[in-house]
Amino acid sequence: MAKDEKKSAWKEFFWNPRTREFCGRTASSWGLILLFYLAFYIFLAGLFALTMYVMLQTLDDHRPTYQDRLSTPGMMIRPKGDQLEIAYTVEFTETWERYVQALNNFLSPYNDSVQAQKNYECKPDRYFIQEDSGSLKNFPKRSCQFNRTILEDCSGLTDRYYGYNEGKPCVIIKLNRVIGLLPTKDGQPPYVTCGAKKYKVGKDEWADDSDKLGELAYFPPNGTFNLMYYPYYGKKAQVNYSQPLVAIKFLNITMNEEVNVECKINSNAIPEGTERDKFAGRVSFKLRINSRD
């Protein structure tokens, strides 16, 4: 009996034929509730849209309104290898051809013919400033040519194997793009230097591979980044921008030994990186060139 009464009460809750209520509310009550929530969510959507609209009015499509950038840009190498380690055997082509292919792919946009079509011949050794003129926006901004031939022996043009087949490999250094960066204060261009990286061998003992590194050759000469490639104005403002590169050729590195190398940027306007960020203003990598001879 009690079971039937409980079942009847549930049925009456869902639909009461006497009061014509569904789940305890009449149709007009349900209509008012739905109307209220519809208006409420329309209001929220409108408020969100208005907030987004106001925020977007403060943004520039070509340059960040607020730029919280690193004071020291990062560096990277090409080819990267596995975990920044370049290892191969001179006599076995299959061990180094992937590095050659990676360099070919990376340098193809720097072909002189491509650069001549897209970019301009700029005056070297000074900043290429392209500011806006009042409300008149200077877009798109021009970019300077960085021709592949600048890399000379490491361009892949005079030596299509970049020295890998002779145990004298080329490694290319690039400095990460930072909008508005002026990398020097006195007109002296920033330059790259490479040397043996120190590593820990004991509790308080350090060692390096200076005796294994051998002689290095830099392209362009002195490993400089010419000032005409700065400042960088952003991907949308400079759609054809070509990052300047520096190539290092290892002329007589010790064979069959792992060599720890560190390259860093030198400039009076770029602070030195810290141990906390190993890619800030420098890059470390390993080279191991094996030979059966």
C-alpha atoms as a PDB file:
ATOM      1  CA  MET A   1       0.000   0.000   0.000  1.00  0.00           C
ATOM      2  CA  ALA A   2       2.743   2.430   1.020  1.00  0.00           C
ATOM      3  CA  LYS A   3       4.616   1.412  -2.098  1.00  0.00           C
ATOM      4  CA  ASP A   4       1.700   2.364  -4.336  1.00  0.00           C
ATOM      5  CA  GLU A   5       1.304   5.710  -2.584  1.00  0.00           C
ATOM      6  CA  LYS A   6       4.982   6.501  -3.096  1.00  0.00           C
ATOM      7  CA  LYS A   7       4.741   5.570  -6.772  1.00  0.00           C
ATOM      8  CA  SER A   8       1.654   7.731  -7.147  1.00  0.00           C
ATOM      9  CA  ALA A   9       3.417  10.675  -5.481  1.00  0.00           C
ATOM     10  CA  TRP A  10       6.285  10.422  -7.937  1.00  0.00           C
ATOM     11  CA  LYS A  11       3.916  10.325 -10.886  1.00  0.00           C
ATOM     12  CA  GLU A  12       2.095  13.347  -9.545  1.00  0.00           C
ATOM     13  CA  PHE A  13       5.415  15.199  -9.133  1.00  0.00           C
ATOM     14  CA  PHE A  14       6.323  14.704 -12.766  1.00  0.00           C
ATOM     15  CA  TRP A  15       2.848  15.491 -14.022  1.00  0.00           C
ATOM     16  CA  ASN A  16      -0.084  16.712 -11.953  1.00  0.00           C
ATOM     17  CA  PRO A  17      -3.234  16.624 -14.131  1.00  0.00           C
ATOM     18  CA  ARG A  18      -5.254  18.619 -11.583  1.00  0.00           C
ATOM     19  CA  THR A  19      -2.900  21.647 -11.472  1.00  0.00           C
ATOM     20  CA  ARG A  20      -1.313  20.910 -14.874  1.00  0.00           C
ATOM     21  CA  GLU A  21       2.156  21.163 -13.350  1.00  0.00           C
ATOM     22  CA  PHE A  22       5.270  19.475 -14.699  1.00  0.00           C
ATOM     23  CA  CYS A  23       7.953  18.804 -12.061  1.00  0.00           C
ATOM     24  CA  GLY A  24       6.192  21.161  -9.694  1.00  0.00           C
ATOM     25  CA  ARG A  25       5.829  24.084 -12.120  1.00  0.00           C
ATOM     26  CA  THR A  26       3.227  25.256 -14.544  1.00  0.00           C
ATOM     27  CA  ALA A  27       4.015  25.970 -18.175  1.00  0.00           C
ATOM     28  CA  SER A  28       4.071  29.726 -17.561  1.00  0.00           C
ATOM     29  CA  SER A  29       6.467  29.265 -14.624  1.00  0.00           C
ATOM     30  CA  TRP A  30       8.797  27.162 -16.773  1.00  0.00           C
ATOM     31  CA  GLY A  31       8.567  29.721 -19.560  1.00  0.00           C
ATOM     32  CA  LEU A  32       9.573  32.570 -17.225  1.00  0.00           C
ATOM     33  CA  ILE A  33      12.550  30.598 -15.895  1.00  0.00           C
ATOM     34  CA  LEU A  34      13.760  29.731 -19.396  1.00  0.00           C
ATOM     35  CA  LEU A  35      13.295  33.333 -20.478  1.00  0.00           C
ATOM     36  CA  PHE A  36      15.300  34.539 -17.484  1.00  0.00           C
ATOM     37  CA  TYR A  37      18.232  32.198 -18.179  1.00  0.00           C
ATOM     38  CA  LEU A  38      18.134  32.994 -21.898  1.00  0.00           C
ATOM     39  CA  ALA A  39      18.399  36.707 -21.120  1.00  0.00           C
ATOM     40  CA  PHE A  40      21.065  36.041 -18.478  1.00  0.00           C
ATOM     41  CA  TYR A  41      23.322  34.059 -20.803  1.00  0.00           C
ATOM     42  CA  ILE A  42      22.810  36.505 -23.659  1.00  0.00           C
ATOM     43  CA  PHE A  43      23.948  39.227 -21.278  1.00  0.00           C
ATOM     44  CA  LEU A  44      27.035  37.212 -20.269  1.00  0.00           C
ATOM     45  CA  ALA A  45      27.875  36.492 -23.907  1.00  0.00           C
ATOM     46  CA  GLY A  46      27.489  40.170 -24.767  1.00  0.00           C
ATOM     47  CA  LEU A  47      29.669  41.207 -21.818  1.00  0.00           C
ATOM     48  CA  PHE A  48      32.361  38.726 -22.870  1.00  0.00           C
ATOM     49  CA  ALA A  49      32.227  39.919 -26.490  1.00  0.00           C
ATOM     50  CA  LEU A  50      32.468  43.574 -25.375  1.00  0.00           C
ATOM     51  CA  THR A  51      35.442  42.778 -23.128  1.00  0.00           C
ATOM     52  CA  MET A  52      37.228  40.950 -25.945  1.00  0.00           C
ATOM     53  CA  TYR A  53      36.487  43.788 -28.373  1.00  0.00           C
ATOM     54  CA  VAL A  54      37.906  46.421 -26.018  1.00  0.00           C
ATOM     55  CA  MET A  55      41.001  44.288 -25.344  1.00  0.00           C
ATOM     56  CA  LEU A  56      41.611  43.651 -29.054  1.00  0.00           C
ATOM     57  CA  GLN A  57      41.542  47.394 -29.721  1.00  0.00           C
ATOM     58  CA  THR A  58      44.685  47.704 -27.604  1.00  0.00           C
ATOM     59  CA  LEU A  59      46.597  45.137 -29.692  1.00  0.00           C
ATOM     60  CA  ASP A  60      48.718  45.759 -32.751  1.00  0.00           C
ATOM     61  CA  ASP A  61      48.656  43.124 -35.503  1.00  0.00           C
ATOM     62  CA  HIS A  62      52.317  43.729 -36.264  1.00  0.00           C
ATOM     63  CA  ARG A  63      53.976  44.382 -32.908  1.00  0.00           C
ATOM     64  CA  PRO A  64      53.250  43.204 -29.343  1.00  0.00           C
ATOM     65  CA  THR A  65      51.717  45.913 -27.166  1.00  0.00           C
ATOM     66  CA  TYR A  66      53.491  44.492 -24.134  1.00  0.00           C
ATOM     67  CA  GLN A  67      56.753  42.674 -24.755  1.00  0.00           C
ATOM     68  CA  ASP A  68      58.143  40.655 -21.890  1.00  0.00           C
ATOM     69  CA  ARG A  69      61.141  39.331 -23.778  1.00  0.00           C
ATOM     70  CA  LEU A  70      64.363  37.759 -22.654  1.00  0.00           C
ATOM     71  CA  SER A  71      67.197  40.272 -22.432  1.00  0.00           C
ATOM     72  CA  THR A  72      69.471  37.624 -23.933  1.00  0.00           C
ATOM     73  CA  PRO A  73      68.203  35.886 -27.089  1.00  0.00           C
ATOM     74  CA  GLY A  74      68.718  32.173 -27.493  1.00  0.00           C
ATOM     75  CA  MET A  75      71.010  30.446 -29.977  1.00  0.00           C
ATOM     76  CA  MET A  76      70.644  27.243 -31.956  1.00  0.00           C
ATOM     77  CA  ILE A  77      72.699  25.187 -34.369  1.00  0.00           C
ATOM     78  CA  ARG A  78      72.040  23.477 -37.678  1.00  0.00           C
ATOM     79  CA  PRO A  79      72.180  20.572 -38.113  1.00  0.00           C
ATOM     80  CA  LYS A  80      70.857  19.866 -34.631  1.00  0.00           C
ATOM     81  CA  GLY A  81      71.472  16.136 -34.551  1.00  0.00           C
ATOM     82  CA  ASP A  82      69.987  14.039 -31.771  1.00  0.00           C
ATOM     83  CA  GLN A  83      69.986  16.000 -28.520  1.00  0.00           C
ATOM     84  CA  LEU A  84      72.483  18.486 -29.993  1.00  0.00           C
ATOM     85  CA  GLU A  85      75.005  15.761 -30.712  1.00  0.00           C
ATOM     86  CA  ILE A  86      76.596  15.383 -34.144  1.00  0.00           C
ATOM     87  CA  ALA A  87      78.261  12.014 -34.528  1.00  0.00           C
ATOM     88  CA  TYR A  88      79.231  10.152 -37.677  1.00  0.00           C
ATOM     89  CA  THR A  89      81.905   8.045 -39.363  1.00  0.00           C
ATOM     90  CA  VAL A  90      83.724   9.693 -42.260  1.00  0.00           C
ATOM     91  CA  GLU A  91      83.945   6.542 -44.396  1.00  0.00           C
ATOM     92  CA  PHE A  92      80.244   5.670 -44.071  1.00  0.00           C
ATOM     93  CA  THR A  93      78.181   8.087 -46.141  1.00  0.00           C
ATOM     94  CA  GLU A  94      74.898   6.960 -44.595  1.00  0.00           C
ATOM     95  CA  THR A  95      76.037   8.240 -41.168  1.00  0.00           C
ATOM     96  CA  TRP A  96      76.479  11.864 -42.293  1.00  0.00           C
ATOM     97  CA  GLU A  97      74.242  12.353 -45.345  1.00  0.00           C
ATOM     98  CA  ARG A  98      71.297  13.300 -43.096  1.00  0.00           C
ATOM     99  CA  TYR A  99      73.334  16.226 -41.763  1.00  0.00           C
ATOM    100  CA  VAL A 100      74.109  17.367 -45.294  1.00  0.00           C
ATOM    101  CA  GLN A 101      70.446  17.108 -46.269  1.00  0.00           C
ATOM    102  CA  ALA A 102      69.397  19.066 -43.174  1.00  0.00           C
ATOM    103  CA  LEU A 103      71.806  21.866 -44.105  1.00  0.00           C
ATOM    104  CA  ASN A 104      70.599  21.878 -47.716  1.00  0.00           C
ATOM    105  CA  ASN A 105      66.978  22.245 -46.558  1.00  0.00           C
ATOM    106  CA  PHE A 106      67.853  24.931 -44.049  1.00  0.00           C
ATOM    107  CA  LEU A 107      69.909  27.019 -46.481  1.00  0.00           C
ATOM    108  CA  SER A 108      67.649  26.752 -49.534  1.00  0.00           C
ATOM    109  CA  PRO A 109      65.728  29.993 -48.650  1.00  0.00           C
ATOM    110  CA  TYR A 110      69.122  31.738 -48.549  1.00  0.00           C
ATOM    111  CA  ASN A 111      69.935  30.987 -52.192  1.00  0.00           C
ATOM    112  CA  ASP A 112      71.113  34.179 -53.869  1.00  0.00           C
ATOM    113  CA  SER A 113      68.352  33.993 -56.497  1.00  0.00           C
ATOM    114  CA  VAL A 114      65.648  33.673 -53.826  1.00  0.00           C
ATOM    115  CA  GLN A 115      67.069  36.532 -51.782  1.00  0.00           C
ATOM    116  CA  ALA A 116      67.307  38.782 -54.851  1.00  0.00           C
ATOM    117  CA  GLN A 117      63.601  38.238 -55.560  1.00  0.00           C
ATOM    118  CA  LYS A 118      62.334  38.831 -52.012  1.00  0.00           C
ATOM    119  CA  ASN A 119      64.762  41.131 -50.236  1.00  0.00           C
ATOM    120  CA  TYR A 120      66.797  44.305 -50.712  1.00  0.00           C
ATOM    121  CA  GLU A 121      70.474  45.133 -50.884  1.00  0.00           C
ATOM    122  CA  CYS A 122      70.969  47.175 -47.746  1.00  0.00           C
ATOM    123  CA  LYS A 123      73.851  49.359 -46.640  1.00  0.00           C
ATOM    124  CA  PRO A 124      75.995  47.239 -44.313  1.00  0.00           C
ATOM    125  CA  ASP A 125      77.347  48.051 -40.850  1.00  0.00           C
ATOM    126  CA  ARG A 126      74.409  50.151 -39.688  1.00  0.00           C
ATOM    127  CA  TYR A 127      70.923  49.528 -38.367  1.00  0.00           C
ATOM    128  CA  PHE A 128      68.127  49.348 -40.934  1.00  0.00           C
ATOM    129  CA  ILE A 129      65.564  51.483 -39.089  1.00  0.00           C
ATOM    130  CA  GLN A 130      62.058  51.550 -40.609  1.00  0.00           C
ATOM    131  CA  GLU A 131      59.846  53.462 -38.228  1.00  0.00           C
ATOM    132  CA  ASP A 132      56.245  54.474 -38.918  1.00  0.00           C
ATOM    133  CA  SER A 133      55.465  58.030 -39.957  1.00  0.00           C
ATOM    134  CA  GLY A 134      52.837  59.214 -37.500  1.00  0.00           C
ATOM    135  CA  SER A 135      49.558  57.446 -38.229  1.00  0.00           C
ATOM    136  CA  LEU A 136      50.939  56.132 -41.524  1.00  0.00           C
ATOM    137  CA  LYS A 137      52.033  52.551 -40.955  1.00  0.00           C
ATOM    138  CA  ASN A 138      55.167  51.425 -42.759  1.00  0.00           C
ATOM    139  CA  PHE A 139      54.001  47.897 -43.648  1.00  0.00           C
ATOM    140  CA  PRO A 140      55.220  45.588 -44.960  1.00  0.00           C
ATOM    141  CA  LYS A 141      58.735  46.494 -43.935  1.00  0.00           C
ATOM    142  CA  ARG A 142      61.676  45.653 -46.154  1.00  0.00           C
ATOM    143  CA  SER A 143      64.205  42.971 -45.294  1.00  0.00           C
ATOM    144  CA  CYS A 144      67.871  42.789 -46.152  1.00  0.00           C
ATOM    145  CA  GLN A 145      69.426  40.069 -48.258  1.00  0.00           C
ATOM    146  CA  PHE A 146      71.459  37.386 -46.566  1.00  0.00           C
ATOM    147  CA  ASN A 147      72.974  35.490 -49.453  1.00  0.00           C
ATOM    148  CA  ARG A 148      74.090  31.919 -49.056  1.00  0.00           C
ATOM    149  CA  THR A 149      77.409  32.747 -50.685  1.00  0.00           C
ATOM    150  CA  ILE A 150      78.360  34.776 -47.595  1.00  0.00           C
ATOM    151  CA  LEU A 151      78.995  31.468 -45.834  1.00  0.00           C
ATOM    152  CA  GLU A 152      81.728  30.633 -48.380  1.00  0.00           C
ATOM    153  CA  ASP A 153      83.193  27.179 -47.573  1.00  0.00           C
ATOM    154  CA  CYS A 154      80.104  26.343 -45.496  1.00  0.00           C
ATOM    155  CA  SER A 155      77.555  27.481 -48.082  1.00  0.00           C
ATOM    156  CA  GLY A 156      77.231  24.063 -49.689  1.00  0.00           C
ATOM    157  CA  LEU A 157      77.982  25.643 -53.066  1.00  0.00           C
ATOM    158  CA  THR A 158      81.742  25.139 -53.326  1.00  0.00           C
ATOM    159  CA  ASP A 159      81.626  21.992 -51.200  1.00  0.00           C
ATOM    160  CA  ARG A 160      78.291  20.215 -51.470  1.00  0.00           C
ATOM    161  CA  TYR A 161      79.103  17.991 -48.482  1.00  0.00           C
ATOM    162  CA  TYR A 162      79.932  20.898 -46.112  1.00  0.00           C
ATOM    163  CA  GLY A 163      83.191  19.162 -45.170  1.00  0.00           C
ATOM    164  CA  TYR A 164      81.475  16.162 -43.570  1.00  0.00           C
ATOM    165  CA  ASN A 165      83.088  13.745 -46.025  1.00  0.00           C
ATOM    166  CA  GLU A 166      86.558  14.993 -45.007  1.00  0.00           C
ATOM    167  CA  GLY A 167      86.054  15.108 -41.249  1.00  0.00           C
ATOM    168  CA  LYS A 168      85.943  18.936 -41.375  1.00  0.00           C
ATOM    169  CA  PRO A 169      82.234  19.588 -40.735  1.00  0.00           C
ATOM    170  CA  CYS A 170      80.412  22.903 -40.843  1.00  0.00           C
ATOM    171  CA  VAL A 171      77.940  23.909 -38.142  1.00  0.00           C
ATOM    172  CA  ILE A 172      75.672  26.901 -38.627  1.00  0.00           C
ATOM    173  CA  ILE A 173      74.721  29.220 -35.766  1.00  0.00           C
ATOM    174  CA  LYS A 174      71.583  31.316 -35.690  1.00  0.00           C
ATOM    175  CA  LEU A 175      70.452  33.843 -33.102  1.00  0.00           C
ATOM    176  CA  ASN A 176      66.768  33.680 -32.213  1.00  0.00           C
ATOM    177  CA  ARG A 177      64.566  36.520 -33.400  1.00  0.00           C
ATOM    178  CA  VAL A 178      63.660  39.204 -30.858  1.00  0.00           C
ATOM    179  CA  ILE A 179      61.438  42.089 -31.942  1.00  0.00           C
ATOM    180  CA  GLY A 180      63.160  45.445 -31.602  1.00  0.00           C
ATOM    181  CA  LEU A 181      66.529  44.038 -30.531  1.00  0.00           C
ATOM    182  CA  LEU A 182      69.494  46.372 -31.119  1.00  0.00           C
ATOM    183  CA  PRO A 183      72.467  44.098 -30.422  1.00  0.00           C
ATOM    184  CA  THR A 184      75.170  46.723 -29.931  1.00  0.00           C
ATOM    185  CA  LYS A 185      75.673  50.172 -28.436  1.00  0.00           C
ATOM    186  CA  ASP A 186      78.801  51.408 -30.189  1.00  0.00           C
ATOM    187  CA  GLY A 187      78.382  50.281 -33.784  1.00  0.00           C
ATOM    188  CA  GLN A 188      80.513  47.166 -33.336  1.00  0.00           C
ATOM    189  CA  PRO A 189      78.546  44.165 -34.637  1.00  0.00           C
ATOM    190  CA  PRO A 190      77.916  41.213 -32.338  1.00  0.00           C
ATOM    191  CA  TYR A 191      80.024  38.175 -33.107  1.00  0.00           C
ATOM    192  CA  VAL A 192      80.140  34.475 -32.305  1.00  0.00           C
ATOM    193  CA  THR A 193      83.029  32.662 -30.664  1.00  0.00           C
ATOM    194  CA  CYS A 194      83.268  28.932 -30.121  1.00  0.00           C
ATOM    195  CA  GLY A 195      85.475  27.025 -27.748  1.00  0.00           C
ATOM    196  CA  ALA A 196      85.732  23.937 -25.623  1.00  0.00           C
ATOM    197  CA  LYS A 197      82.959  23.654 -23.052  1.00  0.00           C
ATOM    198  CA  LYS A 198      83.930  22.939 -19.472  1.00  0.00           C
ATOM    199  CA  TYR A 199      82.368  19.908 -17.838  1.00  0.00           C
ATOM    200  CA  LYS A 200      82.537  18.458 -14.368  1.00  0.00           C
ATOM    201  CA  VAL A 201      84.720  15.398 -13.792  1.00  0.00           C
ATOM    202  CA  GLY A 202      84.716  15.337 -10.014  1.00  0.00           C
ATOM    203  CA  LYS A 203      83.268  17.030  -6.975  1.00  0.00           C
ATOM    204  CA  ASP A 204      85.284  20.215  -7.477  1.00  0.00           C
ATOM    205  CA  GLU A 205      87.136  19.369 -10.671  1.00  0.00           C
ATOM    206  CA  TRP A 206      86.446  20.653 -14.149  1.00  0.00           C
ATOM    207  CA  ALA A 207      87.897  19.761 -17.517  1.00  0.00           C
ATOM    208  CA  ASP A 208      87.500  20.794 -21.146  1.00  0.00           C
ATOM    209  CA  ASP A 209      88.412  19.524 -24.604  1.00  0.00           C
ATOM    210  CA  SER A 210      90.638  22.399 -25.728  1.00  0.00           C
ATOM    211  CA  ASP A 211      93.348  20.010 -26.860  1.00  0.00           C
ATOM    212  CA  LYS A 212      90.866  18.147 -29.083  1.00  0.00           C
ATOM    213  CA  LEU A 213      89.015  21.069 -30.652  1.00  0.00           C
ATOM    214  CA  GLY A 214      91.626  22.157 -33.171  1.00  0.00           C
ATOM    215  CA  GLU A 215      91.439  25.171 -35.459  1.00  0.00           C
ATOM    216  CA  LEU A 216      88.160  26.877 -36.371  1.00  0.00           C
ATOM    217  CA  ALA A 217      87.181  28.991 -39.371  1.00  0.00           C
ATOM    218  CA  TYR A 218      84.291  31.471 -39.208  1.00  0.00           C
ATOM    219  CA  PHE A 219      82.042  32.609 -42.052  1.00  0.00           C
ATOM    220  CA  PRO A 220      81.396  35.535 -42.436  1.00  0.00           C
ATOM    221  CA  PRO A 221      84.898  36.501 -41.262  1.00  0.00           C
ATOM    222  CA  ASN A 222      85.161  36.973 -37.480  1.00  0.00           C
ATOM    223  CA  GLY A 223      81.728  35.352 -37.063  1.00  0.00           C
ATOM    224  CA  THR A 224      79.830  38.652 -37.109  1.00  0.00           C
ATOM    225  CA  PHE A 225      76.113  39.378 -37.420  1.00  0.00           C
ATOM    226  CA  ASN A 226      75.929  42.510 -39.563  1.00  0.00           C
ATOM    227  CA  LEU A 227      73.904  45.362 -38.065  1.00  0.00           C
ATOM    228  CA  MET A 228      71.820  45.833 -41.219  1.00  0.00           C
ATOM    229  CA  TYR A 229      69.669  42.838 -40.200  1.00  0.00           C
ATOM    230  CA  TYR A 230      68.465  44.683 -37.088  1.00  0.00           C
ATOM    231  CA  PRO A 231      66.064  45.609 -35.677  1.00  0.00           C
ATOM    232  CA  TYR A 232      63.610  42.834 -36.415  1.00  0.00           C
ATOM    233  CA  TYR A 233      60.004  44.080 -36.638  1.00  0.00           C
ATOM    234  CA  GLY A 234      58.042  40.829 -36.387  1.00  0.00           C
ATOM    235  CA  LYS A 235      56.766  38.060 -38.610  1.00  0.00           C
ATOM    236  CA  LYS A 236      53.792  39.993 -39.966  1.00  0.00           C
ATOM    237  CA  ALA A 237      55.680  43.234 -40.476  1.00  0.00           C
ATOM    238  CA  GLN A 238      58.682  41.614 -42.168  1.00  0.00           C
ATOM    239  CA  VAL A 239      57.251  38.642 -43.980  1.00  0.00           C
ATOM    240  CA  ASN A 240      60.472  37.946 -45.924  1.00  0.00           C
ATOM    241  CA  TYR A 241      62.930  38.481 -43.076  1.00  0.00           C
ATOM    242  CA  SER A 242      66.027  36.260 -43.308  1.00  0.00           C
ATOM    243  CA  GLN A 243      67.924  35.686 -40.098  1.00  0.00           C
ATOM    244  CA  PRO A 244      71.661  36.314 -40.386  1.00  0.00           C
ATOM    245  CA  LEU A 245      73.815  33.236 -39.893  1.00  0.00           C
ATOM    246  CA  VAL A 246      77.336  32.396 -38.836  1.00  0.00           C
ATOM    247  CA  ALA A 247      79.041  29.189 -39.943  1.00  0.00           C
ATOM    248  CA  ILE A 248      81.878  27.462 -38.088  1.00  0.00           C
ATOM    249  CA  LYS A 249      84.126  24.958 -39.826  1.00  0.00           C
ATOM    250  CA  PHE A 250      86.111  22.541 -37.682  1.00  0.00           C
ATOM    251  CA  LEU A 251      89.383  22.168 -39.577  1.00  0.00           C
ATOM    252  CA  ASN A 252      91.309  19.561 -37.584  1.00  0.00           C
ATOM    253  CA  ILE A 253      89.198  18.259 -34.740  1.00  0.00           C
ATOM    254  CA  THR A 254      90.496  15.138 -33.000  1.00  0.00           C
ATOM    255  CA  MET A 255      89.051  12.003 -34.535  1.00  0.00           C
ATOM    256  CA  ASN A 256      87.399   9.174 -32.588  1.00  0.00           C
ATOM    257  CA  GLU A 257      86.934  11.409 -29.555  1.00  0.00           C
ATOM    258  CA  GLU A 258      83.864  13.156 -28.152  1.00  0.00           C
ATOM    259  CA  VAL A 259      84.404  16.908 -28.087  1.00  0.00           C
ATOM    260  CA  ASN A 260      82.212  19.264 -26.058  1.00  0.00           C
ATOM    261  CA  VAL A 261      81.771  22.610 -27.819  1.00  0.00           C
ATOM    262  CA  GLU A 262      80.165  25.843 -26.675  1.00  0.00           C
ATOM    263  CA  CYS A 263      79.419  28.830 -28.921  1.00  0.00           C
ATOM    264  CA  LYS A 264      78.278  32.171 -27.548  1.00  0.00           C
ATOM    265  CA  ILE A 265      77.310  35.636 -28.712  1.00  0.00           C
ATOM    266  CA  ASN A 266      79.575  38.546 -27.791  1.00  0.00           C
ATOM    267  CA  SER A 267      78.087  42.027 -27.592  1.00  0.00           C
ATOM    268  CA  ASN A 268      78.138  45.007 -25.251  1.00  0.00           C
ATOM    269  CA  ALA A 269      74.334  45.270 -25.496  1.00  0.00           C
ATOM    270  CA  ILE A 270      73.427  41.625 -24.871  1.00  0.00           C
ATOM    271  CA  PRO A 271      73.920  40.360 -21.299  1.00  0.00           C
ATOM    272  CA  GLU A 272      75.661  37.050 -20.843  1.00  0.00           C
ATOM    273  CA  GLY A 273      73.396  34.080 -20.255  1.00  0.00           C
ATOM    274  CA  THR A 274      73.168  32.253 -16.947  1.00  0.00           C
ATOM    275  CA  GLU A 275      73.586  28.610 -16.008  1.00  0.00           C
ATOM    276  CA  ARG A 276      69.825  28.437 -15.521  1.00  0.00           C
ATOM    277  CA  ASP A 277      69.180  28.878 -19.235  1.00  0.00           C
ATOM    278  CA  LYS A 278      71.772  27.032 -21.293  1.00  0.00           C
ATOM    279  CA  PHE A 279      70.434  28.493 -24.558  1.00  0.00           C
ATOM    280  CA  ALA A 280      70.481  32.184 -23.540  1.00  0.00           C
ATOM    281  CA  GLY A 281      73.153  33.772 -25.686  1.00  0.00           C
ATOM    282  CA  ARG A 282      74.956  30.475 -26.195  1.00  0.00           C
ATOM    283  CA  VAL A 283      74.544  26.906 -27.325  1.00  0.00           C
ATOM    284  CA  SER A 284      76.426  23.772 -26.327  1.00  0.00           C
ATOM    285  CA  PHE A 285      76.735  20.658 -28.433  1.00  0.00           C
ATOM    286  CA  LYS A 286      78.876  17.562 -28.882  1.00  0.00           C
ATOM    287  CA  LEU A 287      80.911  16.514 -31.884  1.00  0.00           C
ATOM    288  CA  ARG A 288      82.267  13.041 -32.466  1.00  0.00           C
ATOM    289  CA  ILE A 289      83.871  12.289 -35.816  1.00  0.00           C
ATOM    290  CA  ASN A 290      84.969   8.730 -36.230  1.00  0.00           C
ATOM    291  CA  SER A 291      87.457   7.499 -38.763  1.00  0.00           C
ATOM    292  CA  ARG A 292      88.768   4.038 -39.569  1.00  0.00           C
ATOM    293  CA  ASP A 293      92.197   5.390 -40.498  1.00  0.00           C
END
